[in-house]
Amino acid sequence: MASSVETLRNLPAVFSTADFVRVTATSDSGTRSALLRLTERNWIKPAGPRTGLFYNLFLEPRAAENRALEAVRRLYPSATVVGAAVLHAHGWTTQIPHETDVAVLTRRSVKQFDGIHLIGRPRPWFVALMHSGELLRTTASPFAIESVTPAFALVDARQHGDVWLPDADDLELPVELPDTNHAVQTT
């Protein structure tokens, strides 16, 4: 078996248990033991309880802070940043949210990620978003994954009420603000 250093050099900044097994060719019990040892050494950090994803701190010491959205996207391909983080990133508020709100396709249960607030949205919401022009693809998004426009984030937060939203006096809305009285229709 390769050394821990060699193994970690061959893994990306965000890796799965399956990635680890592929690189090390260890058994299930050997994998659990090795991952536990690496966690205790602070060379890796779980992305969240039972996600099966880890941050490679050996390769990138700040991976847990810098790669959380990438980890979410690995588990939930529909992941899209919504809420106050979008408003902050676009200068619509100076309030810094404690968690980043991420919409994922609704399912019975979702895994928890440190620093991320996952919220379920139905398939029609995602379809309508894709056709609305309000989706910022990864190349245009201020985040490592897709996000919504700030106008959409504001309407969506008000409509669904499941994400933290700064008080009205903490919002710095642009003068030429598009109509924010209605959200994308999902029916």
N, C-alpha and C. Protein backbone atom coordinates (compact mmCIF):
# COMPACT_ATOMS: atom_id res chain seq x y z
N MET A 1 0.84 -1.18 0.00
CA MET A 1 0.00 0.00 0.00
C MET A 1 0.88 1.24 0.00
N ALA A 2 0.43 2.28 -0.69
CA ALA A 2 1.17 3.53 -0.79
C ALA A 2 1.16 4.25 0.57
N SER A 3 2.11 5.14 0.75
CA SER A 3 2.14 5.93 1.98
C SER A 3 0.96 6.90 1.99
N SER A 4 0.65 7.40 3.18
CA SER A 4 -0.45 8.36 3.31
C SER A 4 -0.20 9.60 2.48
N VAL A 5 1.03 10.07 2.50
CA VAL A 5 1.39 11.27 1.74
C VAL A 5 1.17 11.02 0.25
N GLU A 6 1.65 9.89 -0.24
CA GLU A 6 1.48 9.55 -1.66
C GLU A 6 0.01 9.42 -2.01
N THR A 7 -0.76 8.78 -1.14
CA THR A 7 -2.20 8.61 -1.37
C THR A 7 -2.88 9.97 -1.48
N LEU A 8 -2.61 10.85 -0.52
CA LEU A 8 -3.25 12.17 -0.52
C LEU A 8 -2.82 13.01 -1.72
N ARG A 9 -1.61 12.83 -2.18
CA ARG A 9 -1.17 13.56 -3.38
C ARG A 9 -1.93 13.09 -4.63
N ASN A 10 -2.43 11.87 -4.59
CA ASN A 10 -3.15 11.31 -5.74
C ASN A 10 -4.67 11.51 -5.66
N LEU A 11 -5.13 12.20 -4.62
CA LEU A 11 -6.55 12.47 -4.47
C LEU A 11 -6.81 13.95 -4.67
N PRO A 12 -7.99 14.31 -5.19
CA PRO A 12 -8.32 15.73 -5.37
C PRO A 12 -8.61 16.42 -4.03
N ALA A 13 -8.83 17.71 -4.07
CA ALA A 13 -9.12 18.49 -2.86
C ALA A 13 -10.42 18.05 -2.20
N VAL A 14 -11.38 17.58 -2.98
CA VAL A 14 -12.61 16.98 -2.46
C VAL A 14 -12.67 15.57 -3.04
N PHE A 15 -12.72 14.59 -2.17
CA PHE A 15 -12.75 13.21 -2.66
C PHE A 15 -13.78 12.39 -1.90
N SER A 16 -14.19 11.32 -2.50
CA SER A 16 -15.18 10.43 -1.90
C SER A 16 -14.48 9.18 -1.34
N THR A 17 -15.23 8.45 -0.54
CA THR A 17 -14.72 7.17 -0.03
C THR A 17 -14.37 6.27 -1.21
N ALA A 18 -15.20 6.28 -2.25
CA ALA A 18 -14.94 5.47 -3.44
C ALA A 18 -13.64 5.89 -4.12
N ASP A 19 -13.36 7.19 -4.18
CA ASP A 19 -12.09 7.68 -4.74
C ASP A 19 -10.91 7.12 -3.93
N PHE A 20 -11.06 7.15 -2.61
CA PHE A 20 -10.00 6.65 -1.73
C PHE A 20 -9.75 5.16 -1.98
N VAL A 21 -10.83 4.39 -2.08
CA VAL A 21 -10.71 2.94 -2.33
C VAL A 21 -10.02 2.71 -3.67
N ARG A 22 -10.39 3.48 -4.69
CA ARG A 22 -9.79 3.31 -6.01
C ARG A 22 -8.29 3.58 -5.97
N VAL A 23 -7.87 4.60 -5.23
CA VAL A 23 -6.45 4.97 -5.17
C VAL A 23 -5.66 3.99 -4.30
N THR A 24 -6.28 3.51 -3.22
CA THR A 24 -5.54 2.67 -2.26
C THR A 24 -5.79 1.18 -2.42
N ALA A 25 -6.88 0.80 -3.05
CA ALA A 25 -7.28 -0.60 -3.19
C ALA A 25 -7.37 -1.29 -1.83
N THR A 26 -7.97 -0.59 -0.84
CA THR A 26 -8.14 -1.16 0.50
C THR A 26 -9.52 -1.78 0.64
N SER A 27 -9.68 -2.60 1.66
CA SER A 27 -10.97 -3.21 1.97
C SER A 27 -11.84 -2.19 2.70
N ASP A 28 -13.10 -2.54 2.92
CA ASP A 28 -14.01 -1.63 3.64
C ASP A 28 -13.48 -1.28 5.02
N SER A 29 -13.08 -2.29 5.79
CA SER A 29 -12.59 -2.03 7.14
C SER A 29 -11.27 -1.27 7.10
N GLY A 30 -10.42 -1.60 6.15
CA GLY A 30 -9.14 -0.89 6.00
C GLY A 30 -9.35 0.56 5.59
N THR A 31 -10.36 0.79 4.77
CA THR A 31 -10.68 2.15 4.33
C THR A 31 -11.15 2.98 5.52
N ARG A 32 -12.08 2.43 6.29
CA ARG A 32 -12.59 3.16 7.47
C ARG A 32 -11.45 3.51 8.42
N SER A 33 -10.57 2.56 8.69
CA SER A 33 -9.45 2.79 9.60
C SER A 33 -8.50 3.86 9.06
N ALA A 34 -8.18 3.76 7.79
CA ALA A 34 -7.26 4.72 7.18
C ALA A 34 -7.86 6.12 7.18
N LEU A 35 -9.14 6.24 6.84
CA LEU A 35 -9.78 7.56 6.83
C LEU A 35 -9.85 8.15 8.24
N LEU A 36 -10.11 7.31 9.22
CA LEU A 36 -10.13 7.76 10.61
C LEU A 36 -8.75 8.27 11.04
N ARG A 37 -7.70 7.52 10.71
CA ARG A 37 -6.33 7.95 11.05
C ARG A 37 -5.99 9.28 10.39
N LEU A 38 -6.35 9.42 9.13
CA LEU A 38 -6.05 10.66 8.41
C LEU A 38 -6.84 11.83 8.97
N THR A 39 -8.05 11.56 9.43
CA THR A 39 -8.87 12.60 10.06
C THR A 39 -8.25 13.02 11.39
N GLU A 40 -7.81 12.04 12.18
CA GLU A 40 -7.18 12.34 13.47
C GLU A 40 -5.90 13.15 13.31
N ARG A 41 -5.18 12.94 12.22
CA ARG A 41 -3.96 13.71 11.92
C ARG A 41 -4.27 15.10 11.37
N ASN A 42 -5.55 15.37 11.11
CA ASN A 42 -5.99 16.62 10.47
C ASN A 42 -5.45 16.77 9.06
N TRP A 43 -5.29 15.66 8.37
CA TRP A 43 -4.87 15.67 6.97
C TRP A 43 -6.08 15.65 6.05
N ILE A 44 -7.20 15.18 6.58
CA ILE A 44 -8.46 15.22 5.84
C ILE A 44 -9.55 15.65 6.81
N LYS A 45 -10.69 16.07 6.27
CA LYS A 45 -11.82 16.44 7.11
C LYS A 45 -13.09 16.01 6.39
N PRO A 46 -14.01 15.35 7.11
CA PRO A 46 -15.28 14.98 6.49
C PRO A 46 -16.04 16.24 6.08
N ALA A 47 -16.72 16.18 4.94
CA ALA A 47 -17.51 17.32 4.47
C ALA A 47 -18.77 17.49 5.30
N GLY A 48 -19.18 16.44 5.96
CA GLY A 48 -20.36 16.45 6.82
C GLY A 48 -20.63 15.03 7.25
N PRO A 49 -21.50 14.86 8.23
CA PRO A 49 -21.78 13.51 8.71
C PRO A 49 -22.41 12.64 7.62
N ARG A 50 -21.86 11.49 7.42
CA ARG A 50 -22.37 10.47 6.49
C ARG A 50 -22.49 10.93 5.04
N THR A 51 -21.67 11.89 4.62
CA THR A 51 -21.71 12.31 3.22
C THR A 51 -20.85 11.41 2.35
N GLY A 52 -19.86 10.77 2.96
CA GLY A 52 -18.92 9.96 2.18
C GLY A 52 -17.94 10.82 1.40
N LEU A 53 -17.89 12.11 1.72
CA LEU A 53 -16.98 13.05 1.06
C LEU A 53 -16.03 13.65 2.09
N PHE A 54 -14.82 13.92 1.61
CA PHE A 54 -13.78 14.45 2.48
C PHE A 54 -13.03 15.57 1.80
N TYR A 55 -12.48 16.48 2.62
CA TYR A 55 -11.60 17.52 2.12
C TYR A 55 -10.17 17.07 2.34
N ASN A 56 -9.35 17.21 1.34
CA ASN A 56 -7.95 16.82 1.40
C ASN A 56 -7.15 18.02 1.92
N LEU A 57 -7.01 18.12 3.24
CA LEU A 57 -6.32 19.24 3.87
C LEU A 57 -4.81 19.16 3.66
N PHE A 58 -4.31 17.99 3.39
CA PHE A 58 -2.89 17.84 3.09
C PHE A 58 -2.57 18.56 1.78
N LEU A 59 -3.41 18.36 0.80
CA LEU A 59 -3.23 18.97 -0.51
C LEU A 59 -3.60 20.45 -0.50
N GLU A 60 -4.69 20.78 0.19
CA GLU A 60 -5.18 22.16 0.24
C GLU A 60 -5.69 22.43 1.66
N PRO A 61 -4.87 23.06 2.49
CA PRO A 61 -5.23 23.26 3.91
C PRO A 61 -6.56 23.97 4.14
N ARG A 62 -7.01 24.81 3.23
CA ARG A 62 -8.28 25.53 3.41
C ARG A 62 -9.41 24.94 2.56
N ALA A 63 -9.27 23.70 2.18
CA ALA A 63 -10.27 23.06 1.33
C ALA A 63 -11.65 23.05 1.98
N ALA A 64 -11.73 22.85 3.29
CA ALA A 64 -13.03 22.82 3.97
C ALA A 64 -13.76 24.16 3.84
N GLU A 65 -13.04 25.26 3.85
CA GLU A 65 -13.65 26.58 3.69
C GLU A 65 -13.89 26.90 2.22
N ASN A 66 -12.96 26.52 1.36
CA ASN A 66 -13.00 26.93 -0.04
C ASN A 66 -13.75 25.98 -0.97
N ARG A 67 -13.97 24.76 -0.56
CA ARG A 67 -14.51 23.75 -1.47
C ARG A 67 -15.85 23.14 -1.03
N ALA A 68 -16.52 23.77 -0.07
CA ALA A 68 -17.78 23.20 0.43
C ALA A 68 -18.82 23.08 -0.68
N LEU A 69 -18.94 24.10 -1.52
CA LEU A 69 -19.94 24.04 -2.59
C LEU A 69 -19.60 22.95 -3.60
N GLU A 70 -18.32 22.76 -3.85
CA GLU A 70 -17.89 21.68 -4.75
C GLU A 70 -18.29 20.32 -4.17
N ALA A 71 -18.14 20.17 -2.85
CA ALA A 71 -18.53 18.91 -2.20
C ALA A 71 -20.03 18.69 -2.33
N VAL A 72 -20.81 19.73 -2.10
CA VAL A 72 -22.27 19.61 -2.23
C VAL A 72 -22.62 19.20 -3.66
N ARG A 73 -21.97 19.83 -4.63
CA ARG A 73 -22.27 19.55 -6.04
C ARG A 73 -21.94 18.11 -6.41
N ARG A 74 -20.92 17.54 -5.78
CA ARG A 74 -20.57 16.13 -6.07
C ARG A 74 -21.71 15.21 -5.66
N LEU A 75 -22.37 15.51 -4.55
CA LEU A 75 -23.45 14.67 -4.05
C LEU A 75 -24.80 15.03 -4.67
N TYR A 76 -24.98 16.31 -4.95
CA TYR A 76 -26.25 16.80 -5.49
C TYR A 76 -25.97 17.64 -6.74
N PRO A 77 -26.01 17.03 -7.91
CA PRO A 77 -25.70 17.75 -9.16
C PRO A 77 -26.60 18.95 -9.43
N SER A 78 -27.79 18.98 -8.84
CA SER A 78 -28.71 20.11 -9.05
C SER A 78 -28.36 21.33 -8.20
N ALA A 79 -27.38 21.23 -7.33
CA ALA A 79 -27.05 22.28 -6.36
C ALA A 79 -26.91 23.65 -7.02
N THR A 80 -27.66 24.62 -6.47
CA THR A 80 -27.67 25.99 -6.97
C THR A 80 -27.72 26.93 -5.77
N VAL A 81 -26.82 27.90 -5.72
CA VAL A 81 -26.79 28.85 -4.59
C VAL A 81 -27.95 29.83 -4.72
N VAL A 82 -28.67 30.01 -3.61
CA VAL A 82 -29.80 30.93 -3.52
C VAL A 82 -29.64 31.74 -2.23
N GLY A 83 -30.56 32.62 -1.95
CA GLY A 83 -30.61 33.28 -0.65
C GLY A 83 -29.64 34.43 -0.45
N ALA A 84 -29.38 34.71 0.82
CA ALA A 84 -28.61 35.88 1.23
C ALA A 84 -27.17 35.89 0.72
N ALA A 85 -26.57 34.72 0.53
CA ALA A 85 -25.19 34.69 0.01
C ALA A 85 -25.14 35.31 -1.39
N VAL A 86 -26.18 35.08 -2.17
CA VAL A 86 -26.27 35.68 -3.51
C VAL A 86 -26.39 37.20 -3.38
N LEU A 87 -27.27 37.64 -2.49
CA LEU A 87 -27.45 39.08 -2.28
C LEU A 87 -26.14 39.74 -1.84
N HIS A 88 -25.43 39.09 -0.94
CA HIS A 88 -24.15 39.62 -0.46
C HIS A 88 -23.10 39.64 -1.57
N ALA A 89 -23.01 38.57 -2.32
CA ALA A 89 -22.01 38.48 -3.39
C ALA A 89 -22.20 39.55 -4.46
N HIS A 90 -23.43 39.98 -4.65
CA HIS A 90 -23.73 40.99 -5.67
C HIS A 90 -23.84 42.40 -5.09
N GLY A 91 -23.51 42.56 -3.80
CA GLY A 91 -23.52 43.88 -3.18
C GLY A 91 -24.89 44.41 -2.81
N TRP A 92 -25.89 43.54 -2.74
CA TRP A 92 -27.24 43.99 -2.38
C TRP A 92 -27.43 44.06 -0.87
N THR A 93 -26.48 43.53 -0.11
CA THR A 93 -26.48 43.65 1.35
C THR A 93 -25.04 43.52 1.84
N THR A 94 -24.78 44.18 2.96
CA THR A 94 -23.46 44.03 3.60
C THR A 94 -23.52 42.95 4.67
N GLN A 95 -24.73 42.47 4.97
CA GLN A 95 -24.90 41.40 5.95
C GLN A 95 -24.28 40.11 5.40
N ILE A 96 -23.44 39.48 6.18
CA ILE A 96 -22.78 38.25 5.75
C ILE A 96 -23.51 37.07 6.38
N PRO A 97 -24.10 36.21 5.55
CA PRO A 97 -24.82 35.06 6.12
C PRO A 97 -23.85 34.07 6.75
N HIS A 98 -24.31 33.40 7.80
CA HIS A 98 -23.48 32.40 8.48
C HIS A 98 -23.39 31.10 7.71
N GLU A 99 -24.39 30.84 6.89
CA GLU A 99 -24.42 29.64 6.05
C GLU A 99 -24.76 30.05 4.63
N THR A 100 -24.36 29.22 3.69
CA THR A 100 -24.73 29.44 2.30
C THR A 100 -25.93 28.56 1.99
N ASP A 101 -27.00 29.19 1.51
CA ASP A 101 -28.21 28.46 1.14
C ASP A 101 -28.02 27.85 -0.24
N VAL A 102 -28.31 26.57 -0.36
CA VAL A 102 -28.16 25.86 -1.63
C VAL A 102 -29.42 25.06 -1.88
N ALA A 103 -30.05 25.34 -3.02
CA ALA A 103 -31.24 24.59 -3.42
C ALA A 103 -30.81 23.31 -4.13
N VAL A 104 -31.44 22.22 -3.74
CA VAL A 104 -31.22 20.92 -4.39
C VAL A 104 -32.57 20.31 -4.71
N LEU A 105 -32.57 19.42 -5.65
CA LEU A 105 -33.80 18.73 -6.03
C LEU A 105 -34.40 18.06 -4.79
N THR A 106 -35.67 18.29 -4.55
CA THR A 106 -36.35 17.75 -3.37
C THR A 106 -36.22 16.23 -3.32
N ARG A 107 -35.90 15.74 -2.13
CA ARG A 107 -35.83 14.30 -1.87
C ARG A 107 -36.22 14.07 -0.42
N ARG A 108 -36.44 12.82 -0.07
CA ARG A 108 -36.90 12.51 1.29
C ARG A 108 -35.92 12.95 2.35
N SER A 109 -34.66 12.76 2.12
CA SER A 109 -33.66 13.20 3.10
C SER A 109 -32.44 13.73 2.36
N VAL A 110 -31.75 14.64 3.01
CA VAL A 110 -30.53 15.18 2.45
C VAL A 110 -29.42 15.10 3.50
N LYS A 111 -28.21 14.95 3.04
CA LYS A 111 -27.06 14.92 3.93
C LYS A 111 -26.77 16.34 4.40
N GLN A 112 -26.11 16.46 5.51
CA GLN A 112 -25.75 17.77 6.05
C GLN A 112 -24.28 18.08 5.74
N PHE A 113 -24.03 19.30 5.33
CA PHE A 113 -22.67 19.77 5.05
C PHE A 113 -22.38 20.95 5.96
N ASP A 114 -21.17 21.00 6.50
CA ASP A 114 -20.79 22.10 7.37
C ASP A 114 -20.81 23.42 6.59
N GLY A 115 -21.51 24.43 7.14
CA GLY A 115 -21.56 25.75 6.53
C GLY A 115 -22.55 25.90 5.40
N ILE A 116 -23.31 24.85 5.12
CA ILE A 116 -24.26 24.87 4.01
C ILE A 116 -25.66 24.58 4.54
N HIS A 117 -26.64 25.34 4.09
CA HIS A 117 -28.04 25.09 4.43
C HIS A 117 -28.72 24.59 3.16
N LEU A 118 -29.00 23.30 3.12
CA LEU A 118 -29.64 22.71 1.94
C LEU A 118 -31.15 22.85 2.05
N ILE A 119 -31.76 23.29 0.95
CA ILE A 119 -33.20 23.42 0.89
C ILE A 119 -33.70 22.70 -0.35
N GLY A 120 -34.79 22.02 -0.22
CA GLY A 120 -35.35 21.28 -1.34
C GLY A 120 -36.23 22.17 -2.22
N ARG A 121 -36.08 21.98 -3.51
CA ARG A 121 -36.94 22.64 -4.48
C ARG A 121 -37.39 21.56 -5.46
N PRO A 122 -38.67 21.61 -5.90
CA PRO A 122 -39.19 20.59 -6.81
C PRO A 122 -38.61 20.74 -8.22
N ARG A 123 -38.68 19.67 -8.97
CA ARG A 123 -38.17 19.66 -10.35
C ARG A 123 -38.73 20.83 -11.18
N PRO A 124 -40.05 21.14 -11.10
CA PRO A 124 -40.56 22.26 -11.89
C PRO A 124 -39.87 23.60 -11.57
N TRP A 125 -39.45 23.77 -10.32
CA TRP A 125 -38.73 24.99 -9.94
C TRP A 125 -37.43 25.09 -10.74
N PHE A 126 -36.67 23.97 -10.81
CA PHE A 126 -35.41 23.96 -11.55
C PHE A 126 -35.64 24.15 -13.05
N VAL A 127 -36.67 23.52 -13.59
CA VAL A 127 -36.98 23.66 -15.02
C VAL A 127 -37.32 25.11 -15.34
N ALA A 128 -38.20 25.70 -14.51
CA ALA A 128 -38.59 27.10 -14.73
C ALA A 128 -37.37 28.02 -14.59
N LEU A 129 -36.51 27.74 -13.61
CA LEU A 129 -35.30 28.55 -13.42
C LEU A 129 -34.41 28.48 -14.65
N MET A 130 -34.22 27.30 -15.21
CA MET A 130 -33.36 27.14 -16.38
C MET A 130 -33.88 27.94 -17.58
N HIS A 131 -35.20 28.09 -17.70
CA HIS A 131 -35.79 28.80 -18.83
C HIS A 131 -36.01 30.29 -18.56
N SER A 132 -35.78 30.73 -17.32
CA SER A 132 -36.10 32.09 -16.93
C SER A 132 -35.03 33.12 -17.27
N GLY A 133 -33.81 32.68 -17.49
CA GLY A 133 -32.71 33.63 -17.66
C GLY A 133 -32.16 34.12 -16.33
N GLU A 134 -32.65 33.57 -15.22
CA GLU A 134 -32.22 33.99 -13.88
C GLU A 134 -31.16 33.07 -13.28
N LEU A 135 -30.71 32.08 -14.03
CA LEU A 135 -29.69 31.14 -13.57
C LEU A 135 -28.33 31.61 -14.07
N LEU A 136 -27.39 31.75 -13.14
CA LEU A 136 -26.02 32.11 -13.50
C LEU A 136 -25.20 30.83 -13.54
N ARG A 137 -24.80 30.44 -14.72
CA ARG A 137 -23.96 29.24 -14.87
C ARG A 137 -22.66 29.44 -14.12
N THR A 138 -21.93 28.37 -13.90
CA THR A 138 -20.70 28.42 -13.12
C THR A 138 -19.73 29.49 -13.62
N THR A 139 -19.65 29.68 -14.92
CA THR A 139 -18.71 30.68 -15.47
C THR A 139 -19.12 32.11 -15.15
N ALA A 140 -20.41 32.36 -14.90
CA ALA A 140 -20.90 33.70 -14.60
C ALA A 140 -21.22 33.89 -13.11
N SER A 141 -21.30 32.81 -12.37
CA SER A 141 -21.65 32.84 -10.96
C SER A 141 -20.46 33.30 -10.12
N PRO A 142 -20.72 34.06 -9.05
CA PRO A 142 -19.63 34.43 -8.14
C PRO A 142 -19.22 33.27 -7.22
N PHE A 143 -19.86 32.13 -7.40
CA PHE A 143 -19.59 30.95 -6.58
C PHE A 143 -18.97 29.85 -7.43
N ALA A 144 -18.53 28.80 -6.79
CA ALA A 144 -17.89 27.67 -7.50
C ALA A 144 -18.91 26.81 -8.24
N ILE A 145 -20.19 27.07 -7.99
CA ILE A 145 -21.27 26.34 -8.67
C ILE A 145 -22.28 27.36 -9.17
N GLU A 146 -23.30 26.87 -9.85
CA GLU A 146 -24.33 27.77 -10.37
C GLU A 146 -25.06 28.48 -9.23
N SER A 147 -25.57 29.66 -9.55
CA SER A 147 -26.35 30.42 -8.59
C SER A 147 -27.47 31.15 -9.34
N VAL A 148 -28.35 31.76 -8.58
CA VAL A 148 -29.41 32.57 -9.18
C VAL A 148 -28.98 34.02 -9.18
N THR A 149 -29.70 34.85 -9.93
CA THR A 149 -29.44 36.29 -9.91
C THR A 149 -29.90 36.85 -8.57
N PRO A 150 -29.39 38.01 -8.16
CA PRO A 150 -29.84 38.56 -6.88
C PRO A 150 -31.33 38.90 -6.86
N ALA A 151 -31.87 39.38 -7.97
CA ALA A 151 -33.31 39.68 -8.00
C ALA A 151 -34.11 38.40 -7.76
N PHE A 152 -33.71 37.32 -8.40
CA PHE A 152 -34.40 36.05 -8.21
C PHE A 152 -34.23 35.56 -6.76
N ALA A 153 -33.03 35.70 -6.21
CA ALA A 153 -32.77 35.26 -4.83
C ALA A 153 -33.69 35.98 -3.86
N LEU A 154 -33.88 37.26 -4.07
CA LEU A 154 -34.74 38.04 -3.18
C LEU A 154 -36.20 37.58 -3.29
N VAL A 155 -36.70 37.44 -4.49
CA VAL A 155 -38.09 36.99 -4.69
C VAL A 155 -38.27 35.57 -4.15
N ASP A 156 -37.34 34.69 -4.44
CA ASP A 156 -37.44 33.30 -4.00
C ASP A 156 -37.43 33.21 -2.47
N ALA A 157 -36.57 33.98 -1.83
CA ALA A 157 -36.50 33.96 -0.37
C ALA A 157 -37.80 34.46 0.24
N ARG A 158 -38.36 35.50 -0.34
CA ARG A 158 -39.64 36.03 0.17
C ARG A 158 -40.78 35.04 -0.09
N GLN A 159 -40.76 34.42 -1.24
CA GLN A 159 -41.83 33.49 -1.61
C GLN A 159 -41.83 32.23 -0.76
N HIS A 160 -40.66 31.64 -0.55
CA HIS A 160 -40.58 30.35 0.15
C HIS A 160 -40.38 30.49 1.66
N GLY A 161 -39.72 31.54 2.10
CA GLY A 161 -39.54 31.76 3.53
C GLY A 161 -38.70 30.71 4.24
N ASP A 162 -37.87 29.99 3.51
CA ASP A 162 -37.08 28.92 4.15
C ASP A 162 -35.58 29.23 4.21
N VAL A 163 -35.22 30.48 3.91
CA VAL A 163 -33.83 30.91 4.03
C VAL A 163 -33.80 32.23 4.79
N TRP A 164 -32.67 32.52 5.42
CA TRP A 164 -32.52 33.77 6.13
C TRP A 164 -32.46 34.91 5.11
N LEU A 165 -33.14 35.98 5.43
CA LEU A 165 -33.15 37.15 4.56
C LEU A 165 -32.86 38.37 5.42
N PRO A 166 -31.91 39.23 4.99
CA PRO A 166 -31.64 40.44 5.78
C PRO A 166 -32.90 41.30 5.90
N ASP A 167 -32.96 42.09 6.97
CA ASP A 167 -34.07 43.02 7.13
C ASP A 167 -34.09 44.00 5.96
N ALA A 168 -35.26 44.56 5.68
CA ALA A 168 -35.42 45.47 4.55
C ALA A 168 -34.42 46.64 4.62
N ASP A 169 -34.16 47.15 5.83
CA ASP A 169 -33.22 48.28 5.94
C ASP A 169 -31.76 47.86 5.78
N ASP A 170 -31.50 46.56 5.70
CA ASP A 170 -30.14 46.06 5.44
C ASP A 170 -29.93 45.72 3.97
N LEU A 171 -30.96 45.91 3.15
CA LEU A 171 -30.85 45.65 1.72
C LEU A 171 -30.49 46.93 0.99
N GLU A 172 -29.58 46.83 0.07
CA GLU A 172 -29.16 47.97 -0.75
C GLU A 172 -29.50 47.63 -2.20
N LEU A 173 -30.78 47.82 -2.54
CA LEU A 173 -31.28 47.43 -3.85
C LEU A 173 -30.90 48.46 -4.90
N PRO A 174 -30.52 48.00 -6.08
CA PRO A 174 -30.18 48.93 -7.15
C PRO A 174 -31.42 49.72 -7.59
N VAL A 175 -31.20 50.95 -8.05
CA VAL A 175 -32.30 51.81 -8.49
C VAL A 175 -33.05 51.18 -9.65
N GLU A 176 -32.31 50.59 -10.59
CA GLU A 176 -32.92 49.98 -11.78
C GLU A 176 -33.33 48.54 -11.54
N LEU A 177 -33.78 48.26 -10.33
CA LEU A 177 -34.15 46.90 -9.93
C LEU A 177 -35.26 46.35 -10.82
N PRO A 178 -35.06 45.14 -11.34
CA PRO A 178 -36.12 44.49 -12.11
C PRO A 178 -37.30 44.19 -11.19
N ASP A 179 -38.44 43.87 -11.77
CA ASP A 179 -39.64 43.57 -11.00
C ASP A 179 -39.38 42.39 -10.07
N THR A 180 -39.49 42.63 -8.76
CA THR A 180 -39.25 41.57 -7.78
C THR A 180 -40.53 41.21 -7.04
N ASN A 181 -41.67 41.48 -7.67
CA ASN A 181 -42.93 41.16 -7.02
C ASN A 181 -43.41 39.74 -7.28
N HIS A 182 -42.77 39.06 -8.21
CA HIS A 182 -43.19 37.69 -8.48
C HIS A 182 -41.96 36.84 -8.79
N ALA A 183 -42.07 35.57 -8.48
CA ALA A 183 -40.98 34.63 -8.74
C ALA A 183 -41.31 33.83 -9.98
N VAL A 184 -40.36 33.03 -10.40
CA VAL A 184 -40.59 32.13 -11.52
C VAL A 184 -41.71 31.18 -11.14
N GLN A 185 -42.68 31.05 -12.00
CA GLN A 185 -43.80 30.15 -11.74
C GLN A 185 -43.34 28.71 -11.97
N THR A 186 -43.69 27.82 -11.06
CA THR A 186 -43.22 26.43 -11.16
C THR A 186 -44.36 25.45 -11.39
N THR A 187 -45.51 25.93 -11.75
CA THR A 187 -46.62 25.01 -11.99
C THR A 187 -46.95 24.95 -13.46
